[in-house]
Amino acid sequence: TVPPPPDMLPYQPIGGAISALCRNPRPR
């Protein structure tokens, strides 16, 4: 048995107010 790869950090989207506004479909 080979050990599984280490868990990756969860995905973090681009930060900032404008990117948060543009990421959500309705406010966009």
PDB file of all heavy atoms in Angstrom:
ATOM      1  N   THR A   1       0.833  -1.199   0.000  1.00  0.00           N
ATOM      2  CA  THR A   1       0.000   0.000   0.000  1.00  0.00           C
ATOM      3  C   THR A   1       0.869   1.249   0.000  1.00  0.00           C
ATOM      4  O   THR A   1       1.789   1.377   0.808  1.00  0.00           O
ATOM      5  CB  THR A   1      -0.924   0.014   1.236  1.00  0.00           C
ATOM      6  OG1 THR A   1      -1.737  -1.143   1.186  1.00  0.00           O
ATOM      7  CG2 THR A   1      -1.797   1.240   1.243  1.00  0.00           C
ATOM      8  N   VAL A   2       0.566   2.146  -0.908  1.00  0.00           N
ATOM      9  CA  VAL A   2       1.244   3.441  -0.978  1.00  0.00           C
ATOM     10  C   VAL A   2       0.329   4.463  -0.327  1.00  0.00           C
ATOM     11  O   VAL A   2      -0.871   4.490  -0.607  1.00  0.00           O
ATOM     12  CB  VAL A   2       1.523   3.820  -2.457  1.00  0.00           C
ATOM     13  CG1 VAL A   2       2.116   5.203  -2.565  1.00  0.00           C
ATOM     14  CG2 VAL A   2       2.444   2.801  -3.085  1.00  0.00           C
ATOM     15  N   PRO A   3       0.876   5.312   0.543  1.00  0.00           N
ATOM     16  CA  PRO A   3       0.002   6.294   1.201  1.00  0.00           C
ATOM     17  C   PRO A   3      -0.593   7.279   0.195  1.00  0.00           C
ATOM     18  O   PRO A   3       0.036   7.596  -0.817  1.00  0.00           O
ATOM     19  CB  PRO A   3       0.928   7.005   2.190  1.00  0.00           C
ATOM     20  CG  PRO A   3       2.304   6.753   1.691  1.00  0.00           C
ATOM     21  CD  PRO A   3       2.261   5.452   0.954  1.00  0.00           C
ATOM     22  N   PRO A   4      -1.804   7.764   0.461  1.00  0.00           N
ATOM     23  CA  PRO A   4      -2.423   8.720  -0.468  1.00  0.00           C
ATOM     24  C   PRO A   4      -1.682  10.057  -0.436  1.00  0.00           C
ATOM     25  O   PRO A   4      -0.951  10.347   0.520  1.00  0.00           O
ATOM     26  CB  PRO A   4      -3.848   8.873   0.073  1.00  0.00           C
ATOM     27  CG  PRO A   4      -3.755   8.491   1.503  1.00  0.00           C
ATOM     28  CD  PRO A   4      -2.664   7.474   1.601  1.00  0.00           C
ATOM     29  N   PRO A   5      -1.858  10.862  -1.479  1.00  0.00           N
ATOM     30  CA  PRO A   5      -1.188  12.164  -1.490  1.00  0.00           C
ATOM     31  C   PRO A   5      -1.743  13.049  -0.376  1.00  0.00           C
ATOM     32  O   PRO A   5      -2.878  12.861   0.066  1.00  0.00           O
ATOM     33  CB  PRO A   5      -1.524  12.734  -2.874  1.00  0.00           C
ATOM     34  CG  PRO A   5      -2.745  12.021  -3.302  1.00  0.00           C
ATOM     35  CD  PRO A   5      -2.683  10.662  -2.655  1.00  0.00           C
ATOM     36  N   PRO A   6      -0.952  14.004   0.087  1.00  0.00           N
ATOM     37  CA  PRO A   6      -1.456  14.882   1.148  1.00  0.00           C
ATOM     38  C   PRO A   6      -2.632  15.716   0.646  1.00  0.00           C
ATOM     39  O   PRO A   6      -2.699  16.063  -0.532  1.00  0.00           O
ATOM     40  CB  PRO A   6      -0.248  15.770   1.487  1.00  0.00           C
ATOM     41  CG  PRO A   6       0.647  15.680   0.302  1.00  0.00           C
ATOM     42  CD  PRO A   6       0.396  14.347  -0.330  1.00  0.00           C
ATOM     43  N   ASP A   7      -3.545  16.005   1.565  1.00  0.00           N
ATOM     44  CA  ASP A   7      -4.707  16.809   1.201  1.00  0.00           C
ATOM     45  C   ASP A   7      -4.271  18.222   0.847  1.00  0.00           C
ATOM     46  O   ASP A   7      -3.409  18.806   1.516  1.00  0.00           O
ATOM     47  CB  ASP A   7      -5.711  16.864   2.357  1.00  0.00           C
ATOM     48  CG  ASP A   7      -6.423  15.541   2.551  1.00  0.00           C
ATOM     49  OD1 ASP A   7      -6.499  14.767   1.587  1.00  0.00           O
ATOM     50  OD2 ASP A   7      -6.894  15.297   3.680  1.00  0.00           O
ATOM     51  N   MET A   8      -4.879  18.752  -0.197  1.00  0.00           N
ATOM     52  CA  MET A   8      -4.589  20.130  -0.602  1.00  0.00           C
ATOM     53  C   MET A   8      -5.499  21.074   0.166  1.00  0.00           C
ATOM     54  O   MET A   8      -6.567  20.690   0.630  1.00  0.00           O
ATOM     55  CB  MET A   8      -4.811  20.285  -2.114  1.00  0.00           C
ATOM     56  CG  MET A   8      -3.847  19.486  -2.941  1.00  0.00           C
ATOM     57  SD  MET A   8      -4.161  19.626  -4.715  1.00  0.00           S
ATOM     58  CE  MET A   8      -3.938  21.351  -5.007  1.00  0.00           C
ATOM     59  N   LEU A   9      -5.056  22.304   0.285  1.00  0.00           N
ATOM     60  CA  LEU A   9      -5.895  23.314   0.911  1.00  0.00           C
ATOM     61  C   LEU A   9      -7.126  23.527   0.040  1.00  0.00           C
ATOM     62  O   LEU A   9      -7.062  23.384  -1.180  1.00  0.00           O
ATOM     63  CB  LEU A   9      -5.124  24.633   1.048  1.00  0.00           C
ATOM     64  CG  LEU A   9      -3.915  24.599   1.983  1.00  0.00           C
ATOM     65  CD1 LEU A   9      -3.170  25.929   1.908  1.00  0.00           C
ATOM     66  CD2 LEU A   9      -4.345  24.321   3.400  1.00  0.00           C
ATOM     67  N   PRO A  10      -8.260  23.882   0.638  1.00  0.00           N
ATOM     68  CA  PRO A  10      -9.448  24.128  -0.190  1.00  0.00           C
ATOM     69  C   PRO A  10      -9.222  25.301  -1.145  1.00  0.00           C
ATOM     70  O   PRO A  10      -8.420  26.194  -0.876  1.00  0.00           O
ATOM     71  CB  PRO A  10     -10.552  24.444   0.824  1.00  0.00           C
ATOM     72  CG  PRO A  10      -9.918  24.489   2.154  1.00  0.00           C
ATOM     73  CD  PRO A  10      -8.507  24.051   2.050  1.00  0.00           C
ATOM     74  N   TYR A  11      -9.947  25.255  -2.241  1.00  0.00           N
ATOM     75  CA  TYR A  11      -9.810  26.305  -3.261  1.00  0.00           C
ATOM     76  C   TYR A  11     -10.241  27.652  -2.696  1.00  0.00           C
ATOM     77  O   TYR A  11     -11.280  27.756  -2.048  1.00  0.00           O
ATOM     78  CB  TYR A  11     -10.660  25.957  -4.491  1.00  0.00           C
ATOM     79  CG  TYR A  11     -10.665  27.053  -5.521  1.00  0.00           C
ATOM     80  CD1 TYR A  11      -9.556  27.282  -6.319  1.00  0.00           C
ATOM     81  CD2 TYR A  11     -11.763  27.893  -5.671  1.00  0.00           C
ATOM     82  CE1 TYR A  11      -9.545  28.286  -7.251  1.00  0.00           C
ATOM     83  CE2 TYR A  11     -11.757  28.903  -6.605  1.00  0.00           C
ATOM     84  CZ  TYR A  11     -10.645  29.104  -7.394  1.00  0.00           C
ATOM     85  OH  TYR A  11     -10.633  30.108  -8.308  1.00  0.00           O
ATOM     86  N   GLN A  12      -9.428  28.671  -2.933  1.00  0.00           N
ATOM     87  CA  GLN A  12      -9.749  30.034  -2.513  1.00  0.00           C
ATOM     88  C   GLN A  12      -9.889  30.903  -3.765  1.00  0.00           C
ATOM     89  O   GLN A  12      -8.925  31.079  -4.507  1.00  0.00           O
ATOM     90  CB  GLN A  12      -8.628  30.613  -1.628  1.00  0.00           C
ATOM     91  CG  GLN A  12      -8.481  29.915  -0.299  1.00  0.00           C
ATOM     92  CD  GLN A  12      -9.686  30.157   0.595  1.00  0.00           C
ATOM     93  OE1 GLN A  12     -10.266  31.227   0.584  1.00  0.00           O
ATOM     94  NE2 GLN A  12     -10.061  29.140   1.342  1.00  0.00           N
ATOM     95  N   PRO A  13     -11.082  31.454  -4.013  1.00  0.00           N
ATOM     96  CA  PRO A  13     -11.233  32.318  -5.191  1.00  0.00           C
ATOM     97  C   PRO A  13     -10.515  33.648  -4.989  1.00  0.00           C
ATOM     98  O   PRO A  13     -10.072  33.975  -3.882  1.00  0.00           O
ATOM     99  CB  PRO A  13     -12.745  32.524  -5.292  1.00  0.00           C
ATOM    100  CG  PRO A  13     -13.265  32.245  -3.935  1.00  0.00           C
ATOM    101  CD  PRO A  13     -12.319  31.274  -3.296  1.00  0.00           C
ATOM    102  N   ILE A  14     -10.419  34.399  -6.065  1.00  0.00           N
ATOM    103  CA  ILE A  14      -9.776  35.713  -6.027  1.00  0.00           C
ATOM    104  C   ILE A  14     -10.525  36.589  -5.033  1.00  0.00           C
ATOM    105  O   ILE A  14     -11.752  36.603  -5.013  1.00  0.00           O
ATOM    106  CB  ILE A  14      -9.808  36.363  -7.427  1.00  0.00           C
ATOM    107  CG1 ILE A  14      -9.081  35.484  -8.428  1.00  0.00           C
ATOM    108  CG2 ILE A  14      -9.188  37.746  -7.394  1.00  0.00           C
ATOM    109  CD1 ILE A  14      -9.277  35.908  -9.861  1.00  0.00           C
ATOM    110  N   GLY A  15      -9.784  37.324  -4.202  1.00  0.00           N
ATOM    111  CA  GLY A  15     -10.410  38.151  -3.177  1.00  0.00           C
ATOM    112  C   GLY A  15     -10.748  39.549  -3.676  1.00  0.00           C
ATOM    113  O   GLY A  15     -10.404  39.943  -4.777  1.00  0.00           O
ATOM    114  N   GLY A  16     -11.445  40.291  -2.854  1.00  0.00           N
ATOM    115  CA  GLY A  16     -11.792  41.667  -3.169  1.00  0.00           C
ATOM    116  C   GLY A  16     -13.287  41.843  -3.361  1.00  0.00           C
ATOM    117  O   GLY A  16     -14.017  40.904  -3.674  1.00  0.00           O
ATOM    118  N   ALA A  17     -13.721  43.091  -3.158  1.00  0.00           N
ATOM    119  CA  ALA A  17     -15.148  43.385  -3.250  1.00  0.00           C
ATOM    120  C   ALA A  17     -15.651  43.290  -4.693  1.00  0.00           C
ATOM    121  O   ALA A  17     -16.736  42.766  -4.942  1.00  0.00           O
ATOM    122  CB  ALA A  17     -15.421  44.777  -2.685  1.00  0.00           C
ATOM    123  N   ILE A  18     -14.875  43.799  -5.618  1.00  0.00           N
ATOM    124  CA  ILE A  18     -15.320  43.784  -7.016  1.00  0.00           C
ATOM    125  C   ILE A  18     -15.391  42.354  -7.536  1.00  0.00           C
ATOM    126  O   ILE A  18     -16.342  41.977  -8.223  1.00  0.00           O
ATOM    127  CB  ILE A  18     -14.401  44.651  -7.898  1.00  0.00           C
ATOM    128  CG1 ILE A  18     -14.565  46.124  -7.514  1.00  0.00           C
ATOM    129  CG2 ILE A  18     -14.707  44.454  -9.371  1.00  0.00           C
ATOM    130  CD1 ILE A  18     -13.672  47.057  -8.264  1.00  0.00           C
ATOM    131  N   SER A  19     -14.401  41.528  -7.176  1.00  0.00           N
ATOM    132  CA  SER A  19     -14.437  40.147  -7.655  1.00  0.00           C
ATOM    133  C   SER A  19     -15.589  39.376  -7.010  1.00  0.00           C
ATOM    134  O   SER A  19     -16.199  38.532  -7.655  1.00  0.00           O
ATOM    135  CB  SER A  19     -13.108  39.451  -7.397  1.00  0.00           C
ATOM    136  OG  SER A  19     -12.883  39.303  -6.023  1.00  0.00           O
ATOM    137  N   ALA A  20     -15.896  39.678  -5.744  1.00  0.00           N
ATOM    138  CA  ALA A  20     -17.039  39.020  -5.105  1.00  0.00           C
ATOM    139  C   ALA A  20     -18.342  39.433  -5.778  1.00  0.00           C
ATOM    140  O   ALA A  20     -19.241  38.622  -5.967  1.00  0.00           O
ATOM    141  CB  ALA A  20     -17.082  39.363  -3.619  1.00  0.00           C
ATOM    142  N   LEU A  21     -18.437  40.696  -6.150  1.00  0.00           N
ATOM    143  CA  LEU A  21     -19.623  41.198  -6.848  1.00  0.00           C
ATOM    144  C   LEU A  21     -19.742  40.560  -8.230  1.00  0.00           C
ATOM    145  O   LEU A  21     -20.829  40.171  -8.650  1.00  0.00           O
ATOM    146  CB  LEU A  21     -19.552  42.726  -6.973  1.00  0.00           C
ATOM    147  CG  LEU A  21     -20.697  43.409  -7.695  1.00  0.00           C
ATOM    148  CD1 LEU A  21     -21.934  43.415  -6.806  1.00  0.00           C
ATOM    149  CD2 LEU A  21     -20.318  44.819  -8.076  1.00  0.00           C
ATOM    150  N   CYS A  22     -18.619  40.440  -8.910  1.00  0.00           N
ATOM    151  CA  CYS A  22     -18.626  39.910 -10.279  1.00  0.00           C
ATOM    152  C   CYS A  22     -18.736  38.392 -10.325  1.00  0.00           C
ATOM    153  O   CYS A  22     -19.028  37.831 -11.370  1.00  0.00           O
ATOM    154  CB  CYS A  22     -17.368  40.347 -11.018  1.00  0.00           C
ATOM    155  SG  CYS A  22     -17.290  42.118 -11.301  1.00  0.00           S
ATOM    156  N   ARG A  23     -18.457  37.702  -9.225  1.00  0.00           N
ATOM    157  CA  ARG A  23     -18.497  36.247  -9.206  1.00  0.00           C
ATOM    158  C   ARG A  23     -19.915  35.715  -9.088  1.00  0.00           C
ATOM    159  O   ARG A  23     -20.233  34.655  -9.606  1.00  0.00           O
ATOM    160  CB  ARG A  23     -17.653  35.742  -8.038  1.00  0.00           C
ATOM    161  CG  ARG A  23     -17.293  34.296  -8.146  1.00  0.00           C
ATOM    162  CD  ARG A  23     -16.379  33.817  -7.037  1.00  0.00           C
ATOM    163  NE  ARG A  23     -15.175  34.616  -6.916  1.00  0.00           N
ATOM    164  CZ  ARG A  23     -14.907  35.401  -5.865  1.00  0.00           C
ATOM    165  NH1 ARG A  23     -15.733  35.480  -4.863  1.00  0.00           N
ATOM    166  NH2 ARG A  23     -13.804  36.098  -5.824  1.00  0.00           N
ATOM    167  N   ASN A  24     -20.788  36.448  -8.397  1.00  0.00           N
ATOM    168  CA  ASN A  24     -22.171  36.005  -8.199  1.00  0.00           C
ATOM    169  C   ASN A  24     -23.027  36.455  -9.374  1.00  0.00           C
ATOM    170  O   ASN A  24     -22.994  37.618  -9.771  1.00  0.00           O
ATOM    171  CB  ASN A  24     -22.718  36.570  -6.894  1.00  0.00           C
ATOM    172  CG  ASN A  24     -21.937  36.066  -5.700  1.00  0.00           C
ATOM    173  OD1 ASN A  24     -21.487  34.930  -5.699  1.00  0.00           O
ATOM    174  ND2 ASN A  24     -21.750  36.911  -4.712  1.00  0.00           N
ATOM    175  N   PRO A  25     -23.819  35.553  -9.953  1.00  0.00           N
ATOM    176  CA  PRO A  25     -24.542  35.863 -11.193  1.00  0.00           C
ATOM    177  C   PRO A  25     -25.549  37.009 -11.080  1.00  0.00           C
ATOM    178  O   PRO A  25     -25.599  37.878 -11.941  1.00  0.00           O
ATOM    179  CB  PRO A  25     -25.259  34.563 -11.541  1.00  0.00           C
ATOM    180  CG  PRO A  25     -24.587  33.502 -10.771  1.00  0.00           C
ATOM    181  CD  PRO A  25     -23.974  34.153  -9.581  1.00  0.00           C
ATOM    182  N   ARG A  26     -26.346  37.043 -10.031  1.00  0.00           N
ATOM    183  CA  ARG A  26     -27.387  38.059  -9.946  1.00  0.00           C
ATOM    184  C   ARG A  26     -26.803  39.472  -9.765  1.00  0.00           C
ATOM    185  O   ARG A  26     -27.147  40.377 -10.527  1.00  0.00           O
ATOM    186  CB  ARG A  26     -28.373  37.734  -8.833  1.00  0.00           C
ATOM    187  CG  ARG A  26     -29.559  38.677  -8.823  1.00  0.00           C
ATOM    188  CD  ARG A  26     -30.603  38.203  -7.898  1.00  0.00           C
ATOM    189  NE  ARG A  26     -31.063  36.908  -8.365  1.00  0.00           N
ATOM    190  CZ  ARG A  26     -32.309  36.508  -8.327  1.00  0.00           C
ATOM    191  NH1 ARG A  26     -33.218  37.270  -7.820  1.00  0.00           N
ATOM    192  NH2 ARG A  26     -32.658  35.328  -8.774  1.00  0.00           N
ATOM    193  N   PRO A  27     -25.914  39.689  -8.791  1.00  0.00           N
ATOM    194  CA  PRO A  27     -25.327  41.040  -8.695  1.00  0.00           C
ATOM    195  C   PRO A  27     -24.537  41.425  -9.942  1.00  0.00           C
ATOM    196  O   PRO A  27     -24.514  42.591 -10.329  1.00  0.00           O
ATOM    197  CB  PRO A  27     -24.409  40.960  -7.475  1.00  0.00           C
ATOM    198  CG  PRO A  27     -24.892  39.815  -6.685  1.00  0.00           C
ATOM    199  CD  PRO A  27     -25.511  38.867  -7.662  1.00  0.00           C
ATOM    200  N   ARG A  28     -23.896  40.436 -10.581  1.00  0.00           N
ATOM    201  CA  ARG A  28     -23.155  40.733 -11.812  1.00  0.00           C
ATOM    202  C   ARG A  28     -24.108  41.213 -12.901  1.00  0.00           C
ATOM    203  O   ARG A  28     -23.825  42.179 -13.613  1.00  0.00           O
ATOM    204  CB  ARG A  28     -22.412  39.471 -12.266  1.00  0.00           C
ATOM    205  CG  ARG A  28     -21.624  39.688 -13.541  1.00  0.00           C
ATOM    206  CD  ARG A  28     -20.822  38.475 -13.943  1.00  0.00           C
ATOM    207  NE  ARG A  28     -21.675  37.329 -14.172  1.00  0.00           N
ATOM    208  CZ  ARG A  28     -21.377  36.095 -13.813  1.00  0.00           C
ATOM    209  NH1 ARG A  28     -20.249  35.833 -13.212  1.00  0.00           N
ATOM    210  NH2 ARG A  28     -22.204  35.111 -14.068  1.00  0.00           N
TER     211      ARG A  28
END
